[in-house]
Amino acid sequence: MRTTVNLRPYRLAVAATVAGAALLAGCASNKGAPNTIYDFGAPSAQLSTPVQPASLPPIVVMDATGGAVLDNERMVYRLNYADPLQARTYAGSRWSGTPLDLVTRRLKVRLAQAGVTVLSATDAANRVPILRIEVDDFVHAFSSTSASEGQILLRASVLADHRLVAQKSFAHNAPAPTQDAAGGVAALAAGTDRIALDLKNWLSTLDLQGK
C-alpha cells in the first residue's frame, strides 16, 4: 500500500514564512526614487519654540564626532520590533553628507538663531569656551510596521581653560510622518532642532563668563 504525504501544511508554512519576510522588508522600504539624496533642508527663520535671548559669551562649536556608522552617507534604520541589534541601510537613499556633518551644521545654525555667537575651531582663543559634541545614536527606528521615529542621542561637553566645565547627555525621539526614508529624514531633522533648543537652554545655566 502506498502512503500519501499531505504537502499542504508544508506549503502553507513556507508561504507564511515568505509573507513574513516580505512584511519585514516592506515596512521600512524606500519609497523614493533610486539614489535619492537627503539633507535637513533649509532651516526656518527661527526655532519653533520661542527662547529667551542668549546671555552667553562667544563659544567654539567643534565638529561632532561619533562612530564609523555615522561617518559616511548611508542612511541607517532599525526594525526594533523584529531585530533591534541589526543596523540596516536604505539601498536607494543616502545623506548629502555624513550625519556628523549634518548635525554639526544644524546645531551651529540653531544656536546662532538663538542668539549665541558661534565660533569655529580656527577662531579659538584663550578663555573662549569650547563645546564638543559626541553623537551616540542617530537612527530611524521602527517600533512596528506602522510606526517609527527618529532617535538621537548625544553627549555635550563644555571646556574652558583646558578644564571640563560640564557634561550632559541629550536624547530626543521625534515621530516620523511616513514609514520610509523621507519620513526618517523629517523625524531626525526635527529631533536635531529640538536638541539644539535643549542644548542652548542648558548652556544658559552654566557659568561660561569665568567670573
C-alpha atoms as a PDB file:
ATOM      1  CA  MET A   1       0.000   0.000   0.000  1.00  0.00           C
ATOM      2  CA  ARG A   2       1.406   3.364  -0.995  1.00  0.00           C
ATOM      3  CA  THR A   3       1.456   6.102   1.646  1.00  0.00           C
ATOM      4  CA  THR A   4       0.256   9.529   0.516  1.00  0.00           C
ATOM      5  CA  VAL A   5       2.002  12.529   2.056  1.00  0.00           C
ATOM      6  CA  ASN A   6      -0.079  15.652   2.536  1.00  0.00           C
ATOM      7  CA  LEU A   7       2.136  18.571   1.445  1.00  0.00           C
ATOM      8  CA  ARG A   8      -0.481  21.238   2.054  1.00  0.00           C
ATOM      9  CA  PRO A   9       0.598  22.138   5.662  1.00  0.00           C
ATOM     10  CA  TYR A  10       4.222  22.386   4.489  1.00  0.00           C
ATOM     11  CA  ARG A  11       3.289  24.675   1.601  1.00  0.00           C
ATOM     12  CA  LEU A  12       1.229  26.871   3.914  1.00  0.00           C
ATOM     13  CA  ALA A  13       4.155  27.176   6.331  1.00  0.00           C
ATOM     14  CA  VAL A  14       6.508  28.173   3.523  1.00  0.00           C
ATOM     15  CA  ALA A  15       4.014  30.734   2.244  1.00  0.00           C
ATOM     16  CA  ALA A  16       3.663  32.212   5.738  1.00  0.00           C
ATOM     17  CA  THR A  17       7.433  32.456   6.097  1.00  0.00           C
ATOM     18  CA  VAL A  18       7.782  34.212   2.762  1.00  0.00           C
ATOM     19  CA  ALA A  19       4.948  36.603   3.586  1.00  0.00           C
ATOM     20  CA  GLY A  20       6.552  37.436   6.942  1.00  0.00           C
ATOM     21  CA  ALA A  21       9.888  38.177   5.311  1.00  0.00           C
ATOM     22  CA  ALA A  22       8.210  40.393   2.749  1.00  0.00           C
ATOM     23  CA  LEU A  23       6.441  42.294   5.517  1.00  0.00           C
ATOM     24  CA  LEU A  24       9.725  42.896   7.377  1.00  0.00           C
ATOM     25  CA  ALA A  25      11.366  44.163   4.218  1.00  0.00           C
ATOM     26  CA  GLY A  26       8.407  46.251   3.151  1.00  0.00           C
ATOM     27  CA  CYS A  27       7.707  48.063   6.394  1.00  0.00           C
ATOM     28  CA  ALA A  28      10.904  50.100   6.065  1.00  0.00           C
ATOM     29  CA  SER A  29      11.104  50.171   2.302  1.00  0.00           C
ATOM     30  CA  ASN A  30      12.478  53.140   0.446  1.00  0.00           C
ATOM     31  CA  LYS A  31       9.595  54.682  -1.498  1.00  0.00           C
ATOM     32  CA  GLY A  32      11.710  57.416  -3.062  1.00  0.00           C
ATOM     33  CA  ALA A  33      13.450  57.305  -6.406  1.00  0.00           C
ATOM     34  CA  PRO A  34      16.750  55.374  -6.607  1.00  0.00           C
ATOM     35  CA  ASN A  35      19.783  57.292  -5.333  1.00  0.00           C
ATOM     36  CA  THR A  36      17.676  59.940  -3.626  1.00  0.00           C
ATOM     37  CA  ILE A  37      19.866  62.374  -1.677  1.00  0.00           C
ATOM     38  CA  TYR A  38      18.560  63.952   1.530  1.00  0.00           C
ATOM     39  CA  ASP A  39      19.659  66.654   3.936  1.00  0.00           C
ATOM     40  CA  PHE A  40      17.877  68.539   6.730  1.00  0.00           C
ATOM     41  CA  GLY A  41      16.509  71.170   4.375  1.00  0.00           C
ATOM     42  CA  ALA A  42      16.762  74.914   4.823  1.00  0.00           C
ATOM     43  CA  PRO A  43      16.263  75.858   8.483  1.00  0.00           C
ATOM     44  CA  SER A  44      13.298  78.047   9.288  1.00  0.00           C
ATOM     45  CA  ALA A  45      13.865  81.646  10.329  1.00  0.00           C
ATOM     46  CA  GLN A  46      13.659  80.689  13.984  1.00  0.00           C
ATOM     47  CA  LEU A  47      13.168  77.748  16.288  1.00  0.00           C
ATOM     48  CA  SER A  48       9.588  76.572  16.560  1.00  0.00           C
ATOM     49  CA  THR A  49       9.646  77.098  20.336  1.00  0.00           C
ATOM     50  CA  PRO A  50      10.391  80.677  21.475  1.00  0.00           C
ATOM     51  CA  VAL A  51      13.535  81.102  23.581  1.00  0.00           C
ATOM     52  CA  GLN A  52      14.881  83.912  25.673  1.00  0.00           C
ATOM     53  CA  PRO A  53      17.768  85.875  24.119  1.00  0.00           C
ATOM     54  CA  ALA A  54      21.050  84.134  24.888  1.00  0.00           C
ATOM     55  CA  SER A  55      23.236  85.730  27.544  1.00  0.00           C
ATOM     56  CA  LEU A  56      26.290  83.700  26.640  1.00  0.00           C
ATOM     57  CA  PRO A  57      29.830  84.581  25.667  1.00  0.00           C
ATOM     58  CA  PRO A  58      31.090  83.507  22.239  1.00  0.00           C
ATOM     59  CA  ILE A  59      31.591  79.746  22.124  1.00  0.00           C
ATOM     60  CA  VAL A  60      33.615  77.490  19.843  1.00  0.00           C
ATOM     61  CA  VAL A  61      31.470  74.647  18.481  1.00  0.00           C
ATOM     62  CA  MET A  62      33.681  71.748  17.416  1.00  0.00           C
ATOM     63  CA  ASP A  63      32.695  69.311  14.686  1.00  0.00           C
ATOM     64  CA  ALA A  64      30.586  66.466  16.064  1.00  0.00           C
ATOM     65  CA  THR A  65      32.270  63.097  16.482  1.00  0.00           C
ATOM     66  CA  GLY A  66      30.793  59.607  16.564  1.00  0.00           C
ATOM     67  CA  GLY A  67      31.122  56.013  15.457  1.00  0.00           C
ATOM     68  CA  ALA A  68      32.071  54.812  11.981  1.00  0.00           C
ATOM     69  CA  VAL A  69      28.439  54.197  11.044  1.00  0.00           C
ATOM     70  CA  LEU A  70      27.840  57.958  11.330  1.00  0.00           C
ATOM     71  CA  ASP A  71      30.906  58.945   9.334  1.00  0.00           C
ATOM     72  CA  ASN A  72      29.539  58.073   5.899  1.00  0.00           C
ATOM     73  CA  GLU A  73      26.495  58.984   3.813  1.00  0.00           C
ATOM     74  CA  ARG A  74      24.471  55.813   4.414  1.00  0.00           C
ATOM     75  CA  MET A  75      21.013  56.182   5.989  1.00  0.00           C
ATOM     76  CA  VAL A  76      20.564  53.731   8.850  1.00  0.00           C
ATOM     77  CA  TYR A  77      17.321  52.263  10.183  1.00  0.00           C
ATOM     78  CA  ARG A  78      16.417  49.553  12.695  1.00  0.00           C
ATOM     79  CA  LEU A  79      13.435  47.222  12.982  1.00  0.00           C
ATOM     80  CA  ASN A  80      13.229  47.298  16.775  1.00  0.00           C
ATOM     81  CA  TYR A  81      10.161  45.068  16.824  1.00  0.00           C
ATOM     82  CA  ALA A  82      11.995  42.317  14.886  1.00  0.00           C
ATOM     83  CA  ASP A  83      15.759  42.619  15.378  1.00  0.00           C
ATOM     84  CA  PRO A  84      16.891  45.715  17.313  1.00  0.00           C
ATOM     85  CA  LEU A  85      20.543  44.627  17.174  1.00  0.00           C
ATOM     86  CA  GLN A  86      20.764  44.826  13.390  1.00  0.00           C
ATOM     87  CA  ALA A  87      21.591  48.149  11.735  1.00  0.00           C
ATOM     88  CA  ARG A  88      20.162  48.260   8.208  1.00  0.00           C
ATOM     89  CA  THR A  89      20.690  50.824   5.466  1.00  0.00           C
ATOM     90  CA  TYR A  90      18.309  52.199   2.851  1.00  0.00           C
ATOM     91  CA  ALA A  91      19.506  50.932  -0.510  1.00  0.00           C
ATOM     92  CA  GLY A  92      18.142  53.768  -2.647  1.00  0.00           C
ATOM     93  CA  SER A  93      18.677  56.769  -0.375  1.00  0.00           C
ATOM     94  CA  ARG A  94      21.630  58.491   1.229  1.00  0.00           C
ATOM     95  CA  TRP A  95      22.569  61.674   3.054  1.00  0.00           C
ATOM     96  CA  SER A  96      24.156  64.595   1.220  1.00  0.00           C
ATOM     97  CA  GLY A  97      26.958  64.463   3.800  1.00  0.00           C
ATOM     98  CA  THR A  98      27.720  62.387   6.856  1.00  0.00           C
ATOM     99  CA  PRO A  99      25.228  62.522   9.762  1.00  0.00           C
ATOM    100  CA  LEU A 100      28.034  64.035  11.844  1.00  0.00           C
ATOM    101  CA  ASP A 101      28.386  66.901   9.346  1.00  0.00           C
ATOM    102  CA  LEU A 102      24.617  67.442   9.204  1.00  0.00           C
ATOM    103  CA  VAL A 103      24.279  67.522  12.990  1.00  0.00           C
ATOM    104  CA  THR A 104      27.234  69.918  13.327  1.00  0.00           C
ATOM    105  CA  ARG A 105      25.853  72.381  10.795  1.00  0.00           C
ATOM    106  CA  ARG A 106      22.322  72.251  12.181  1.00  0.00           C
ATOM    107  CA  LEU A 107      23.403  72.807  15.767  1.00  0.00           C
ATOM    108  CA  LYS A 108      25.561  75.774  14.752  1.00  0.00           C
ATOM    109  CA  VAL A 109      22.701  77.353  12.795  1.00  0.00           C
ATOM    110  CA  ARG A 110      20.150  76.840  15.545  1.00  0.00           C
ATOM    111  CA  LEU A 111      22.439  78.132  18.296  1.00  0.00           C
ATOM    112  CA  ALA A 112      23.221  81.219  16.211  1.00  0.00           C
ATOM    113  CA  GLN A 113      19.498  81.787  15.628  1.00  0.00           C
ATOM    114  CA  ALA A 114      19.011  81.620  19.393  1.00  0.00           C
ATOM    115  CA  GLY A 115      21.466  84.477  19.852  1.00  0.00           C
ATOM    116  CA  VAL A 116      24.657  82.544  20.582  1.00  0.00           C
ATOM    117  CA  THR A 117      27.855  83.794  18.940  1.00  0.00           C
ATOM    118  CA  VAL A 118      29.144  80.602  17.327  1.00  0.00           C
ATOM    119  CA  LEU A 119      32.843  80.323  16.504  1.00  0.00           C
ATOM    120  CA  SER A 120      34.732  77.602  14.647  1.00  0.00           C
ATOM    121  CA  ALA A 121      37.854  75.821  15.830  1.00  0.00           C
ATOM    122  CA  THR A 122      40.044  78.184  13.804  1.00  0.00           C
ATOM    123  CA  ASP A 123      38.599  81.097  15.775  1.00  0.00           C
ATOM    124  CA  ALA A 124      39.546  79.610  19.125  1.00  0.00           C
ATOM    125  CA  ALA A 125      41.333  81.902  21.554  1.00  0.00           C
ATOM    126  CA  ASN A 126      42.304  81.876  25.201  1.00  0.00           C
ATOM    127  CA  ARG A 127      39.393  81.804  27.658  1.00  0.00           C
ATOM    128  CA  VAL A 128      36.844  81.114  24.908  1.00  0.00           C
ATOM    129  CA  PRO A 129      34.690  78.150  25.986  1.00  0.00           C
ATOM    130  CA  ILE A 130      34.571  75.116  23.715  1.00  0.00           C
ATOM    131  CA  LEU A 131      31.544  72.921  23.021  1.00  0.00           C
ATOM    132  CA  ARG A 132      32.246  69.333  21.995  1.00  0.00           C
ATOM    133  CA  ILE A 133      29.509  67.016  20.702  1.00  0.00           C
ATOM    134  CA  GLU A 134      29.690  63.225  20.505  1.00  0.00           C
ATOM    135  CA  VAL A 135      26.771  61.538  18.739  1.00  0.00           C
ATOM    136  CA  ASP A 136      25.963  58.116  20.210  1.00  0.00           C
ATOM    137  CA  ASP A 137      22.840  57.297  18.210  1.00  0.00           C
ATOM    138  CA  PHE A 138      21.237  58.713  15.076  1.00  0.00           C
ATOM    139  CA  VAL A 139      18.790  56.285  13.520  1.00  0.00           C
ATOM    140  CA  HIS A 140      15.331  55.843  12.008  1.00  0.00           C
ATOM    141  CA  ALA A 141      13.830  53.268  14.386  1.00  0.00           C
ATOM    142  CA  PHE A 142      10.664  51.235  13.713  1.00  0.00           C
ATOM    143  CA  SER A 143       8.627  50.151  16.734  1.00  0.00           C
ATOM    144  CA  SER A 144       6.169  48.327  14.438  1.00  0.00           C
ATOM    145  CA  THR A 145       5.330  48.060  10.754  1.00  0.00           C
ATOM    146  CA  SER A 146       3.196  51.197  11.038  1.00  0.00           C
ATOM    147  CA  ALA A 147       5.096  53.418  13.497  1.00  0.00           C
ATOM    148  CA  SER A 148       8.632  54.777  13.621  1.00  0.00           C
ATOM    149  CA  GLU A 149      10.680  57.669  14.961  1.00  0.00           C
ATOM    150  CA  GLY A 150      13.976  59.419  14.574  1.00  0.00           C
ATOM    151  CA  GLN A 151      16.134  58.623  17.596  1.00  0.00           C
ATOM    152  CA  ILE A 152      19.021  60.887  18.522  1.00  0.00           C
ATOM    153  CA  LEU A 153      21.353  60.571  21.486  1.00  0.00           C
ATOM    154  CA  LEU A 154      24.400  62.767  22.004  1.00  0.00           C
ATOM    155  CA  ARG A 155      26.727  63.993  24.731  1.00  0.00           C
ATOM    156  CA  ALA A 156      27.768  67.609  25.049  1.00  0.00           C
ATOM    157  CA  SER A 157      30.905  68.684  26.900  1.00  0.00           C
ATOM    158  CA  VAL A 158      31.885  72.266  27.663  1.00  0.00           C
ATOM    159  CA  LEU A 159      35.521  73.093  28.331  1.00  0.00           C
ATOM    160  CA  ALA A 160      37.165  76.351  29.345  1.00  0.00           C
ATOM    161  CA  ASP A 161      40.851  76.983  30.007  1.00  0.00           C
ATOM    162  CA  HIS A 162      41.545  73.279  29.348  1.00  0.00           C
ATOM    163  CA  ARG A 163      39.166  72.116  32.075  1.00  0.00           C
ATOM    164  CA  LEU A 164      35.816  70.393  31.888  1.00  0.00           C
ATOM    165  CA  VAL A 165      33.064  72.782  32.947  1.00  0.00           C
ATOM    166  CA  ALA A 166      30.081  70.487  32.452  1.00  0.00           C
ATOM    167  CA  GLN A 167      28.856  67.485  30.514  1.00  0.00           C
ATOM    168  CA  LYS A 168      25.331  66.311  29.747  1.00  0.00           C
ATOM    169  CA  SER A 169      23.550  63.773  27.545  1.00  0.00           C
ATOM    170  CA  PHE A 170      20.665  64.822  25.327  1.00  0.00           C
ATOM    171  CA  ALA A 171      18.132  62.490  23.729  1.00  0.00           C
ATOM    172  CA  HIS A 172      15.048  63.050  21.641  1.00  0.00           C
ATOM    173  CA  ASN A 173      12.692  60.744  19.762  1.00  0.00           C
ATOM    174  CA  ALA A 174      10.666  62.503  17.072  1.00  0.00           C
ATOM    175  CA  PRO A 175       7.785  60.624  15.370  1.00  0.00           C
ATOM    176  CA  ALA A 176       8.214  60.019  11.652  1.00  0.00           C
ATOM    177  CA  PRO A 177       5.332  61.232   9.455  1.00  0.00           C
ATOM    178  CA  THR A 178       5.800  58.341   6.999  1.00  0.00           C
ATOM    179  CA  GLN A 179       7.361  54.897   7.296  1.00  0.00           C
ATOM    180  CA  ASP A 180      10.116  55.332   4.737  1.00  0.00           C
ATOM    181  CA  ALA A 181      13.414  57.125   4.197  1.00  0.00           C
ATOM    182  CA  ALA A 182      11.763  60.524   3.738  1.00  0.00           C
ATOM    183  CA  GLY A 183       9.846  60.116   6.984  1.00  0.00           C
ATOM    184  CA  GLY A 184      13.037  59.199   8.818  1.00  0.00           C
ATOM    185  CA  VAL A 185      14.781  62.301   7.471  1.00  0.00           C
ATOM    186  CA  ALA A 186      11.943  64.552   8.655  1.00  0.00           C
ATOM    187  CA  ALA A 187      11.985  62.981  12.110  1.00  0.00           C
ATOM    188  CA  LEU A 188      15.759  63.231  12.511  1.00  0.00           C
ATOM    189  CA  ALA A 189      15.769  66.873  11.390  1.00  0.00           C
ATOM    190  CA  ALA A 190      13.021  67.723  13.891  1.00  0.00           C
ATOM    191  CA  GLY A 191      14.830  65.843  16.649  1.00  0.00           C
ATOM    192  CA  THR A 192      18.092  67.667  15.977  1.00  0.00           C
ATOM    193  CA  ASP A 193      16.267  71.001  16.133  1.00  0.00           C
ATOM    194  CA  ARG A 194      14.758  70.051  19.495  1.00  0.00           C
ATOM    195  CA  ILE A 195      18.135  69.042  20.904  1.00  0.00           C
ATOM    196  CA  ALA A 196      19.608  72.343  19.697  1.00  0.00           C
ATOM    197  CA  LEU A 197      16.995  74.163  21.769  1.00  0.00           C
ATOM    198  CA  ASP A 198      17.674  71.991  24.826  1.00  0.00           C
ATOM    199  CA  LEU A 199      21.396  72.492  24.348  1.00  0.00           C
ATOM    200  CA  LYS A 200      21.074  76.274  24.212  1.00  0.00           C
ATOM    201  CA  ASN A 201      18.935  76.309  27.369  1.00  0.00           C
ATOM    202  CA  TRP A 202      21.487  74.126  29.163  1.00  0.00           C
ATOM    203  CA  LEU A 203      24.367  76.363  28.112  1.00  0.00           C
ATOM    204  CA  SER A 204      22.467  79.321  29.553  1.00  0.00           C
ATOM    205  CA  THR A 205      22.614  77.692  33.007  1.00  0.00           C
ATOM    206  CA  LEU A 206      26.411  77.380  33.005  1.00  0.00           C
ATOM    207  CA  ASP A 207      28.935  79.937  34.190  1.00  0.00           C
ATOM    208  CA  LEU A 208      30.908  80.476  30.995  1.00  0.00           C
ATOM    209  CA  GLN A 209      31.982  84.011  31.785  1.00  0.00           C
ATOM    210  CA  GLY A 210      34.745  82.874  34.130  1.00  0.00           C
ATOM    211  CA  LYS A 211      33.554  85.107  36.910  1.00  0.00           C
END
